[in-house]
């Protein structure tokens, strides 16, 4: 099952996507600039093999809900996210607000 729902953070709209798969759930929150995602995100791949795409993204591990993704500290972020001031340890909400 796939669930897509708009969420508002400090007056800014983002899109939350939940993909329920066997034995795991994929979670993302995004806008037109970038996104945060659960542990399934491969930041190394984005930084190395897809560097030319300049993807702005962050990864939080151990999260099981969108609320947890928003509050958990980011475990890793892409180089492009770092250029916006997004850092490891920052909460998902803090990172998303830097993407506006």
PDB file of N, CA and C in Angstrom:
ATOM      1  N   UNK A   1       0.836  -1.178   0.000  1.00  0.00           N
ATOM      2  CA  UNK A   1       0.000   0.000   0.000  1.00  0.00           C
ATOM      3  C   UNK A   1       0.883   1.245   0.000  1.00  0.00           C
ATOM      4  N   UNK A   2       0.473   2.252  -0.730  1.00  0.00           N
ATOM      5  CA  UNK A   2       1.170   3.529  -0.779  1.00  0.00           C
ATOM      6  C   UNK A   2       0.228   4.618  -0.269  1.00  0.00           C
ATOM      7  N   UNK A   3       0.720   5.409   0.662  1.00  0.00           N
ATOM      8  CA  UNK A   3      -0.044   6.525   1.203  1.00  0.00           C
ATOM      9  C   UNK A   3       0.713   7.811   0.915  1.00  0.00           C
ATOM     10  N   UNK A   4       0.023   8.783   0.358  1.00  0.00           N
ATOM     11  CA  UNK A   4       0.615  10.090   0.080  1.00  0.00           C
ATOM     12  C   UNK A   4      -0.238  11.122   0.788  1.00  0.00           C
ATOM     13  N   UNK A   5       0.408  11.964   1.590  1.00  0.00           N
ATOM     14  CA  UNK A   5      -0.358  12.970   2.318  1.00  0.00           C
ATOM     15  C   UNK A   5       0.452  14.260   2.439  1.00  0.00           C
ATOM     16  N   UNK A   6      -0.232  15.379   2.278  1.00  0.00           N
ATOM     17  CA  UNK A   6       0.456  16.660   2.478  1.00  0.00           C
ATOM     18  C   UNK A   6       0.646  16.900   3.969  1.00  0.00           C
ATOM     19  N   UNK A   7       1.769  17.502   4.315  1.00  0.00           N
ATOM     20  CA  UNK A   7       1.980  17.915   5.702  1.00  0.00           C
ATOM     21  C   UNK A   7       2.494  19.347   5.683  1.00  0.00           C
ATOM     22  N   UNK A   8       2.181  20.082   6.729  1.00  0.00           N
ATOM     23  CA  UNK A   8       2.624  21.459   6.833  1.00  0.00           C
ATOM     24  C   UNK A   8       3.591  21.581   7.992  1.00  0.00           C
ATOM     25  N   UNK A   9       4.705  22.233   7.730  1.00  0.00           N
ATOM     26  CA  UNK A   9       5.709  22.492   8.756  1.00  0.00           C
ATOM     27  C   UNK A   9       5.970  23.986   8.754  1.00  0.00           C
ATOM     28  N   UNK A  10       5.610  24.635   9.841  1.00  0.00           N
ATOM     29  CA  UNK A  10       5.788  26.078  10.006  1.00  0.00           C
ATOM     30  C   UNK A  10       5.307  26.851   8.778  1.00  0.00           C
ATOM     31  N   UNK A  11       4.121  26.500   8.291  1.00  0.00           N
ATOM     32  CA  UNK A  11       3.504  27.213   7.188  1.00  0.00           C
ATOM     33  C   UNK A  11       3.969  26.816   5.798  1.00  0.00           C
ATOM     34  N   UNK A  12       4.784  25.765   5.706  1.00  0.00           N
ATOM     35  CA  UNK A  12       5.298  25.312   4.416  1.00  0.00           C
ATOM     36  C   UNK A  12       4.808  23.890   4.148  1.00  0.00           C
ATOM     37  N   UNK A  13       4.331  23.647   2.927  1.00  0.00           N
ATOM     38  CA  UNK A  13       3.820  22.330   2.570  1.00  0.00           C
ATOM     39  C   UNK A  13       4.925  21.397   2.093  1.00  0.00           C
ATOM     40  N   UNK A  14       4.820  20.152   2.539  1.00  0.00           N
ATOM     41  CA  UNK A  14       5.698  19.066   2.116  1.00  0.00           C
ATOM     42  C   UNK A  14       4.806  17.874   1.786  1.00  0.00           C
ATOM     43  N   UNK A  15       5.358  16.893   1.135  1.00  0.00           N
ATOM     44  CA  UNK A  15       4.617  15.677   0.801  1.00  0.00           C
ATOM     45  C   UNK A  15       5.238  14.497   1.531  1.00  0.00           C
ATOM     46  N   UNK A  16       4.427  13.806   2.309  1.00  0.00           N
ATOM     47  CA  UNK A  16       4.860  12.590   2.993  1.00  0.00           C
ATOM     48  C   UNK A  16       4.396  11.393   2.171  1.00  0.00           C
ATOM     49  N   UNK A  17       5.289  10.446   1.957  1.00  0.00           N
ATOM     50  CA  UNK A  17       4.962   9.224   1.230  1.00  0.00           C
ATOM     51  C   UNK A  17       5.360   8.035   2.094  1.00  0.00           C
ATOM     52  N   UNK A  18       4.414   7.124   2.251  1.00  0.00           N
ATOM     53  CA  UNK A  18       4.635   5.898   3.020  1.00  0.00           C
ATOM     54  C   UNK A  18       4.383   4.728   2.077  1.00  0.00           C
ATOM     55  N   UNK A  19       5.385   3.876   1.913  1.00  0.00           N
ATOM     56  CA  UNK A  19       5.252   2.689   1.065  1.00  0.00           C
ATOM     57  C   UNK A  19       5.421   1.470   1.961  1.00  0.00           C
ATOM     58  N   UNK A  20       4.335   0.740   2.144  1.00  0.00           N
ATOM     59  CA  UNK A  20       4.378  -0.456   2.986  1.00  0.00           C
ATOM     60  C   UNK A  20       4.741  -1.652   2.118  1.00  0.00           C
ATOM     61  N   UNK A  21       5.877  -2.252   2.428  1.00  0.00           N
ATOM     62  CA  UNK A  21       6.390  -3.411   1.708  1.00  0.00           C
ATOM     63  C   UNK A  21       6.460  -4.589   2.677  1.00  0.00           C
ATOM     64  N   UNK A  22       6.621  -5.806   2.172  1.00  0.00           N
ATOM     65  CA  UNK A  22       6.790  -6.929   3.082  1.00  0.00           C
ATOM     66  C   UNK A  22       8.004  -6.711   3.994  1.00  0.00           C
ATOM     67  N   UNK A  23       7.775  -6.745   5.257  1.00  0.00           N
ATOM     68  CA  UNK A  23       8.804  -6.665   6.292  1.00  0.00           C
ATOM     69  C   UNK A  23       9.502  -5.323   6.419  1.00  0.00           C
ATOM     70  N   UNK A  24       9.039  -4.299   5.710  1.00  0.00           N
ATOM     71  CA  UNK A  24       9.626  -2.966   5.864  1.00  0.00           C
ATOM     72  C   UNK A  24       8.658  -1.903   5.364  1.00  0.00           C
ATOM     73  N   UNK A  25       8.907  -0.684   5.776  1.00  0.00           N
ATOM     74  CA  UNK A  25       8.128   0.455   5.319  1.00  0.00           C
ATOM     75  C   UNK A  25       9.091   1.549   4.899  1.00  0.00           C
ATOM     76  N   UNK A  26       8.904   2.085   3.690  1.00  0.00           N
ATOM     77  CA  UNK A  26       9.715   3.199   3.216  1.00  0.00           C
ATOM     78  C   UNK A  26       9.000   4.498   3.561  1.00  0.00           C
ATOM     79  N   UNK A  27       9.748   5.471   4.063  1.00  0.00           N
ATOM     80  CA  UNK A  27       9.189   6.754   4.479  1.00  0.00           C
ATOM     81  C   UNK A  27       9.968   7.889   3.827  1.00  0.00           C
ATOM     82  N   UNK A  28       9.267   8.862   3.256  1.00  0.00           N
ATOM     83  CA  UNK A  28       9.915  10.058   2.734  1.00  0.00           C
ATOM     84  C   UNK A  28       9.059  11.281   3.028  1.00  0.00           C
ATOM     85  N   UNK A  29       9.720  12.406   3.174  1.00  0.00           N
ATOM     86  CA  UNK A  29       9.052  13.702   3.233  1.00  0.00           C
ATOM     87  C   UNK A  29       9.848  14.603   2.294  1.00  0.00           C
ATOM     88  N   UNK A  30       9.144  15.254   1.368  1.00  0.00           N
ATOM     89  CA  UNK A  30       9.851  16.015   0.340  1.00  0.00           C
ATOM     90  C   UNK A  30       9.147  17.309  -0.024  1.00  0.00           C
ATOM     91  N   UNK A  31       9.881  18.146  -0.735  1.00  0.00           N
ATOM     92  CA  UNK A  31       9.331  19.298  -1.443  1.00  0.00           C
ATOM     93  C   UNK A  31      10.074  19.370  -2.776  1.00  0.00           C
ATOM     94  N   UNK A  32       9.952  20.471  -3.484  1.00  0.00           N
ATOM     95  CA  UNK A  32      10.584  20.583  -4.791  1.00  0.00           C
ATOM     96  C   UNK A  32      12.108  20.677  -4.724  1.00  0.00           C
ATOM     97  N   UNK A  33      12.652  20.947  -3.540  1.00  0.00           N
ATOM     98  CA  UNK A  33      14.096  21.112  -3.387  1.00  0.00           C
ATOM     99  C   UNK A  33      14.805  19.824  -3.021  1.00  0.00           C
ATOM    100  N   UNK A  34      14.234  19.056  -2.078  1.00  0.00           N
ATOM    101  CA  UNK A  34      14.905  17.858  -1.605  1.00  0.00           C
ATOM    102  C   UNK A  34      14.007  17.004  -0.746  1.00  0.00           C
ATOM    103  N   UNK A  35      14.635  16.089  -0.003  1.00  0.00           N
ATOM    104  CA  UNK A  35      13.840  15.176   0.812  1.00  0.00           C
ATOM    105  C   UNK A  35      14.656  14.566   1.940  1.00  0.00           C
ATOM    106  N   UNK A  36      13.911  14.052   2.917  1.00  0.00           N
ATOM    107  CA  UNK A  36      14.488  13.200   3.953  1.00  0.00           C
ATOM    108  C   UNK A  36      13.829  11.841   3.805  1.00  0.00           C
ATOM    109  N   UNK A  37      14.536  10.816   4.242  1.00  0.00           N
ATOM    110  CA  UNK A  37      14.036   9.460   4.045  1.00  0.00           C
ATOM    111  C   UNK A  37      14.523   8.557   5.170  1.00  0.00           C
ATOM    112  N   UNK A  38      13.878   7.413   5.270  1.00  0.00           N
ATOM    113  CA  UNK A  38      14.269   6.410   6.255  1.00  0.00           C
ATOM    114  C   UNK A  38      15.606   5.775   5.861  1.00  0.00           C
ATOM    115  N   UNK A  39      16.026   4.782   6.610  1.00  0.00           N
ATOM    116  CA  UNK A  39      17.312   4.136   6.410  1.00  0.00           C
ATOM    117  C   UNK A  39      17.525   3.469   5.073  1.00  0.00           C
ATOM    118  N   UNK A  40      16.488   3.311   4.262  1.00  0.00           N
ATOM    119  CA  UNK A  40      16.640   2.692   2.944  1.00  0.00           C
ATOM    120  C   UNK A  40      17.405   3.591   1.972  1.00  0.00           C
ATOM    121  N   UNK A  41      17.528   4.866   2.286  1.00  0.00           N
ATOM    122  CA  UNK A  41      18.233   5.804   1.411  1.00  0.00           C
ATOM    123  C   UNK A  41      19.733   5.514   1.424  1.00  0.00           C
ATOM    124  N   UNK A  42      20.334   5.429   0.259  1.00  0.00           N
ATOM    125  CA  UNK A  42      21.766   5.186   0.131  1.00  0.00           C
ATOM    126  C   UNK A  42      22.460   6.510  -0.194  1.00  0.00           C
ATOM    127  N   UNK A  43      22.866   7.233   0.837  1.00  0.00           N
ATOM    128  CA  UNK A  43      23.503   8.537   0.660  1.00  0.00           C
ATOM    129  C   UNK A  43      24.815   8.392  -0.110  1.00  0.00           C
ATOM    130  N   UNK A  44      25.553   7.327   0.133  1.00  0.00           N
ATOM    131  CA  UNK A  44      26.798   7.105  -0.589  1.00  0.00           C
ATOM    132  C   UNK A  44      26.580   7.021  -2.093  1.00  0.00           C
ATOM    133  N   UNK A  45      25.538   6.327  -2.500  1.00  0.00           N
ATOM    134  CA  UNK A  45      25.208   6.224  -3.924  1.00  0.00           C
ATOM    135  C   UNK A  45      24.879   7.595  -4.502  1.00  0.00           C
ATOM    136  N   UNK A  46      24.094   8.382  -3.766  1.00  0.00           N
ATOM    137  CA  UNK A  46      23.731   9.712  -4.239  1.00  0.00           C
ATOM    138  C   UNK A  46      24.960  10.612  -4.364  1.00  0.00           C
ATOM    139  N   UNK A  47      25.879  10.513  -3.400  1.00  0.00           N
ATOM    140  CA  UNK A  47      27.075  11.344  -3.420  1.00  0.00           C
ATOM    141  C   UNK A  47      28.075  10.905  -4.485  1.00  0.00           C
ATOM    142  N   UNK A  48      28.164   9.625  -4.727  1.00  0.00           N
ATOM    143  CA  UNK A  48      29.195   9.110  -5.629  1.00  0.00           C
ATOM    144  C   UNK A  48      28.683   8.895  -7.051  1.00  0.00           C
ATOM    145  N   UNK A  49      27.810   7.969  -7.233  1.00  0.00           N
ATOM    146  CA  UNK A  49      27.380   7.582  -8.576  1.00  0.00           C
ATOM    147  C   UNK A  49      26.377   8.545  -9.203  1.00  0.00           C
ATOM    148  N   UNK A  50      25.648   9.288  -8.360  1.00  0.00           N
ATOM    149  CA  UNK A  50      24.641  10.211  -8.884  1.00  0.00           C
ATOM    150  C   UNK A  50      24.978  11.672  -8.559  1.00  0.00           C
ATOM    151  N   UNK A  51      26.237  11.955  -8.324  1.00  0.00           N
ATOM    152  CA  UNK A  51      26.673  13.293  -7.916  1.00  0.00           C
ATOM    153  C   UNK A  51      26.250  14.366  -8.911  1.00  0.00           C
ATOM    154  N   UNK A  52      26.230  14.029 -10.196  1.00  0.00           N
ATOM    155  CA  UNK A  52      25.869  15.007 -11.217  1.00  0.00           C
ATOM    156  C   UNK A  52      24.420  15.488 -11.086  1.00  0.00           C
ATOM    157  N   UNK A  53      23.604  14.746 -10.357  1.00  0.00           N
ATOM    158  CA  UNK A  53      22.204  15.148 -10.160  1.00  0.00           C
ATOM    159  C   UNK A  53      22.026  16.174  -9.041  1.00  0.00           C
ATOM    160  N   UNK A  54      23.064  16.335  -8.217  1.00  0.00           N
ATOM    161  CA  UNK A  54      23.052  17.323  -7.119  1.00  0.00           C
ATOM    162  C   UNK A  54      21.830  17.163  -6.218  1.00  0.00           C
ATOM    163  N   UNK A  55      21.614  15.957  -5.745  1.00  0.00           N
ATOM    164  CA  UNK A  55      20.438  15.631  -4.927  1.00  0.00           C
ATOM    165  C   UNK A  55      20.626  16.120  -3.494  1.00  0.00           C
ATOM    166  N   UNK A  56      19.616  16.808  -3.006  1.00  0.00           N
ATOM    167  CA  UNK A  56      19.596  17.294  -1.627  1.00  0.00           C
ATOM    168  C   UNK A  56      18.749  16.320  -0.827  1.00  0.00           C
ATOM    169  N   UNK A  57      19.399  15.578   0.084  1.00  0.00           N
ATOM    170  CA  UNK A  57      18.672  14.543   0.829  1.00  0.00           C
ATOM    171  C   UNK A  57      19.366  14.245   2.146  1.00  0.00           C
ATOM    172  N   UNK A  58      18.575  13.708   3.077  1.00  0.00           N
ATOM    173  CA  UNK A  58      19.083  13.274   4.365  1.00  0.00           C
ATOM    174  C   UNK A  58      18.451  11.954   4.750  1.00  0.00           C
ATOM    175  N   UNK A  59      19.167  11.201   5.588  1.00  0.00           N
ATOM    176  CA  UNK A  59      18.739   9.858   5.979  1.00  0.00           C
ATOM    177  C   UNK A  59      18.663   9.747   7.501  1.00  0.00           C
ATOM    178  N   UNK A  60      17.547   9.226   7.981  1.00  0.00           N
ATOM    179  CA  UNK A  60      17.388   8.917   9.401  1.00  0.00           C
ATOM    180  C   UNK A  60      17.176   7.404   9.520  1.00  0.00           C
ATOM    181  N   UNK A  61      17.828   6.786  10.465  1.00  0.00           N
ATOM    182  CA  UNK A  61      17.709   5.334  10.619  1.00  0.00           C
ATOM    183  C   UNK A  61      16.877   4.988  11.848  1.00  0.00           C
ATOM    184  N   UNK A  62      16.251   3.814  11.792  1.00  0.00           N
ATOM    185  CA  UNK A  62      15.475   3.325  12.927  1.00  0.00           C
ATOM    186  C   UNK A  62      14.110   3.957  13.075  1.00  0.00           C
ATOM    187  N   UNK A  63      13.641   4.656  12.053  1.00  0.00           N
ATOM    188  CA  UNK A  63      12.328   5.306  12.142  1.00  0.00           C
ATOM    189  C   UNK A  63      11.262   4.411  11.521  1.00  0.00           C
ATOM    190  N   UNK A  64      10.072   4.458  12.093  1.00  0.00           N
ATOM    191  CA  UNK A  64       8.985   3.606  11.616  1.00  0.00           C
ATOM    192  C   UNK A  64       7.732   4.384  11.228  1.00  0.00           C
ATOM    193  N   UNK A  65       7.733   5.693  11.498  1.00  0.00           N
ATOM    194  CA  UNK A  65       6.578   6.540  11.171  1.00  0.00           C
ATOM    195  C   UNK A  65       7.088   7.876  10.629  1.00  0.00           C
ATOM    196  N   UNK A  66       6.202   8.614   9.992  1.00  0.00           N
ATOM    197  CA  UNK A  66       6.560   9.951   9.508  1.00  0.00           C
ATOM    198  C   UNK A  66       6.916  10.855  10.684  1.00  0.00           C
ATOM    199  N   UNK A  67       6.168  10.773  11.778  1.00  0.00           N
ATOM    200  CA  UNK A  67       6.486  11.593  12.948  1.00  0.00           C
ATOM    201  C   UNK A  67       7.898  11.312  13.455  1.00  0.00           C
ATOM    202  N   UNK A  68       8.283  10.044  13.484  1.00  0.00           N
ATOM    203  CA  UNK A  68       9.644   9.700  13.906  1.00  0.00           C
ATOM    204  C   UNK A  68      10.675  10.236  12.921  1.00  0.00           C
ATOM    205  N   UNK A  69      10.375  10.159  11.624  1.00  0.00           N
ATOM    206  CA  UNK A  69      11.286  10.685  10.613  1.00  0.00           C
ATOM    207  C   UNK A  69      11.489  12.186  10.797  1.00  0.00           C
ATOM    208  N   UNK A  70      10.447  12.889  11.148  1.00  0.00           N
ATOM    209  CA  UNK A  70      10.536  14.338  11.333  1.00  0.00           C
ATOM    210  C   UNK A  70      11.342  14.728  12.561  1.00  0.00           C
ATOM    211  N   UNK A  71      11.318  13.894  13.584  1.00  0.00           N
ATOM    212  CA  UNK A  71      11.991  14.262  14.841  1.00  0.00           C
ATOM    213  C   UNK A  71      13.342  13.596  15.037  1.00  0.00           C
ATOM    214  N   UNK A  72      13.610  12.540  14.315  1.00  0.00           N
ATOM    215  CA  UNK A  72      14.872  11.806  14.485  1.00  0.00           C
ATOM    216  C   UNK A  72      16.049  12.613  13.952  1.00  0.00           C
ATOM    217  N   UNK A  73      17.224  12.408  14.546  1.00  0.00           N
ATOM    218  CA  UNK A  73      18.417  13.063  13.990  1.00  0.00           C
ATOM    219  C   UNK A  73      18.828  12.382  12.683  1.00  0.00           C
ATOM    220  N   UNK A  74      19.265  13.181  11.738  1.00  0.00           N
ATOM    221  CA  UNK A  74      19.741  12.613  10.478  1.00  0.00           C
ATOM    222  C   UNK A  74      21.077  11.921  10.712  1.00  0.00           C
ATOM    223  N   UNK A  75      21.185  10.732  10.176  1.00  0.00           N
ATOM    224  CA  UNK A  75      22.401   9.923  10.328  1.00  0.00           C
ATOM    225  C   UNK A  75      23.422  10.275   9.255  1.00  0.00           C
ATOM    226  N   UNK A  76      22.938  10.666   8.076  1.00  0.00           N
ATOM    227  CA  UNK A  76      23.829  11.073   6.993  1.00  0.00           C
ATOM    228  C   UNK A  76      23.072  12.001   6.050  1.00  0.00           C
ATOM    229  N   UNK A  77      23.828  12.834   5.350  1.00  0.00           N
ATOM    230  CA  UNK A  77      23.240  13.785   4.398  1.00  0.00           C
ATOM    231  C   UNK A  77      24.124  13.846   3.164  1.00  0.00           C
ATOM    232  N   UNK A  78      23.550  14.249   2.047  1.00  0.00           N
ATOM    233  CA  UNK A  78      24.328  14.360   0.815  1.00  0.00           C
ATOM    234  C   UNK A  78      25.206  15.616   0.856  1.00  0.00           C
ATOM    235  N   UNK A  79      26.196  15.629  -0.029  1.00  0.00           N
ATOM    236  CA  UNK A  79      27.061  16.810  -0.140  1.00  0.00           C
ATOM    237  C   UNK A  79      26.250  18.051  -0.484  1.00  0.00           C
ATOM    238  N   UNK A  80      25.276  17.900  -1.368  1.00  0.00           N
ATOM    239  CA  UNK A  80      24.453  19.040  -1.766  1.00  0.00           C
ATOM    240  C   UNK A  80      23.623  19.556  -0.592  1.00  0.00           C
ATOM    241  N   UNK A  81      23.169  18.660   0.284  1.00  0.00           N
ATOM    242  CA  UNK A  81      22.439  19.089   1.476  1.00  0.00           C
ATOM    243  C   UNK A  81      23.362  19.889   2.392  1.00  0.00           C
ATOM    244  N   UNK A  82      24.602  19.459   2.503  1.00  0.00           N
ATOM    245  CA  UNK A  82      25.567  20.175   3.346  1.00  0.00           C
ATOM    246  C   UNK A  82      25.754  21.610   2.867  1.00  0.00           C
ATOM    247  N   UNK A  83      25.696  21.817   1.556  1.00  0.00           N
ATOM    248  CA  UNK A  83      25.839  23.168   1.017  1.00  0.00           C
ATOM    249  C   UNK A  83      24.704  24.092   1.460  1.00  0.00           C
ATOM    250  N   UNK A  84      23.562  23.510   1.835  1.00  0.00           N
ATOM    251  CA  UNK A  84      22.432  24.299   2.351  1.00  0.00           C
ATOM    252  C   UNK A  84      22.482  24.456   3.869  1.00  0.00           C
ATOM    253  N   UNK A  85      23.496  23.869   4.505  1.00  0.00           N
ATOM    254  CA  UNK A  85      23.612  23.948   5.959  1.00  0.00           C
ATOM    255  C   UNK A  85      22.951  22.794   6.683  1.00  0.00           C
ATOM    256  N   UNK A  86      22.563  21.755   5.960  1.00  0.00           N
ATOM    257  CA  UNK A  86      21.960  20.570   6.569  1.00  0.00           C
ATOM    258  C   UNK A  86      23.092  19.664   7.032  1.00  0.00           C
ATOM    259  N   UNK A  87      23.023  19.244   8.301  1.00  0.00           N
ATOM    260  CA  UNK A  87      24.108  18.462   8.874  1.00  0.00           C
ATOM    261  C   UNK A  87      23.603  17.190   9.543  1.00  0.00           C
ATOM    262  N   UNK A  88      24.514  16.249   9.705  1.00  0.00           N
ATOM    263  CA  UNK A  88      24.206  15.046  10.477  1.00  0.00           C
ATOM    264  C   UNK A  88      23.858  15.472  11.892  1.00  0.00           C
ATOM    265  N   UNK A  89      22.877  14.792  12.481  1.00  0.00           N
ATOM    266  CA  UNK A  89      22.442  15.114  13.834  1.00  0.00           C
ATOM    267  C   UNK A  89      21.284  16.096  13.881  1.00  0.00           C
ATOM    268  N   UNK A  90      21.070  16.828  12.787  1.00  0.00           N
ATOM    269  CA  UNK A  90      19.954  17.763  12.694  1.00  0.00           C
ATOM    270  C   UNK A  90      18.654  16.956  12.593  1.00  0.00           C
ATOM    271  N   UNK A  91      17.572  17.458  13.146  1.00  0.00           N
ATOM    272  CA  UNK A  91      16.293  16.753  13.038  1.00  0.00           C
ATOM    273  C   UNK A  91      15.766  16.854  11.613  1.00  0.00           C
ATOM    274  N   UNK A  92      14.868  15.961  11.258  1.00  0.00           N
ATOM    275  CA  UNK A  92      14.246  15.998   9.949  1.00  0.00           C
ATOM    276  C   UNK A  92      13.546  17.313   9.684  1.00  0.00           C
ATOM    277  N   UNK A  93      12.840  17.840  10.668  1.00  0.00           N
ATOM    278  CA  UNK A  93      12.144  19.118  10.522  1.00  0.00           C
ATOM    279  C   UNK A  93      13.130  20.229  10.227  1.00  0.00           C
ATOM    280  N   UNK A  94      14.231  20.281  10.992  1.00  0.00           N
ATOM    281  CA  UNK A  94      15.238  21.316  10.773  1.00  0.00           C
ATOM    282  C   UNK A  94      15.796  21.246   9.348  1.00  0.00           C
ATOM    283  N   UNK A  95      16.051  20.030   8.886  1.00  0.00           N
ATOM    284  CA  UNK A  95      16.584  19.852   7.531  1.00  0.00           C
ATOM    285  C   UNK A  95      15.584  20.309   6.487  1.00  0.00           C
ATOM    286  N   UNK A  96      14.328  19.923   6.641  1.00  0.00           N
ATOM    287  CA  UNK A  96      13.303  20.305   5.678  1.00  0.00           C
ATOM    288  C   UNK A  96      13.142  21.820   5.611  1.00  0.00           C
ATOM    289  N   UNK A  97      13.222  22.489   6.738  1.00  0.00           N
ATOM    290  CA  UNK A  97      13.072  23.938   6.745  1.00  0.00           C
ATOM    291  C   UNK A  97      14.234  24.631   6.036  1.00  0.00           C
ATOM    292  N   UNK A  98      15.372  23.987   5.964  1.00  0.00           N
ATOM    293  CA  UNK A  98      16.496  24.542   5.199  1.00  0.00           C
ATOM    294  C   UNK A  98      16.315  24.328   3.693  1.00  0.00           C
ATOM    295  N   UNK A  99      15.344  23.503   3.334  1.00  0.00           N
ATOM    296  CA  UNK A  99      15.085  23.217   1.918  1.00  0.00           C
ATOM    297  C   UNK A  99      14.038  24.155   1.316  1.00  0.00           C
ATOM    298  N   UNK A 100      13.560  25.126   2.083  1.00  0.00           N
ATOM    299  CA  UNK A 100      12.550  26.048   1.531  1.00  0.00           C
ATOM    300  C   UNK A 100      13.215  27.290   0.959  1.00  0.00           C
TER     301      UNK A 100
END
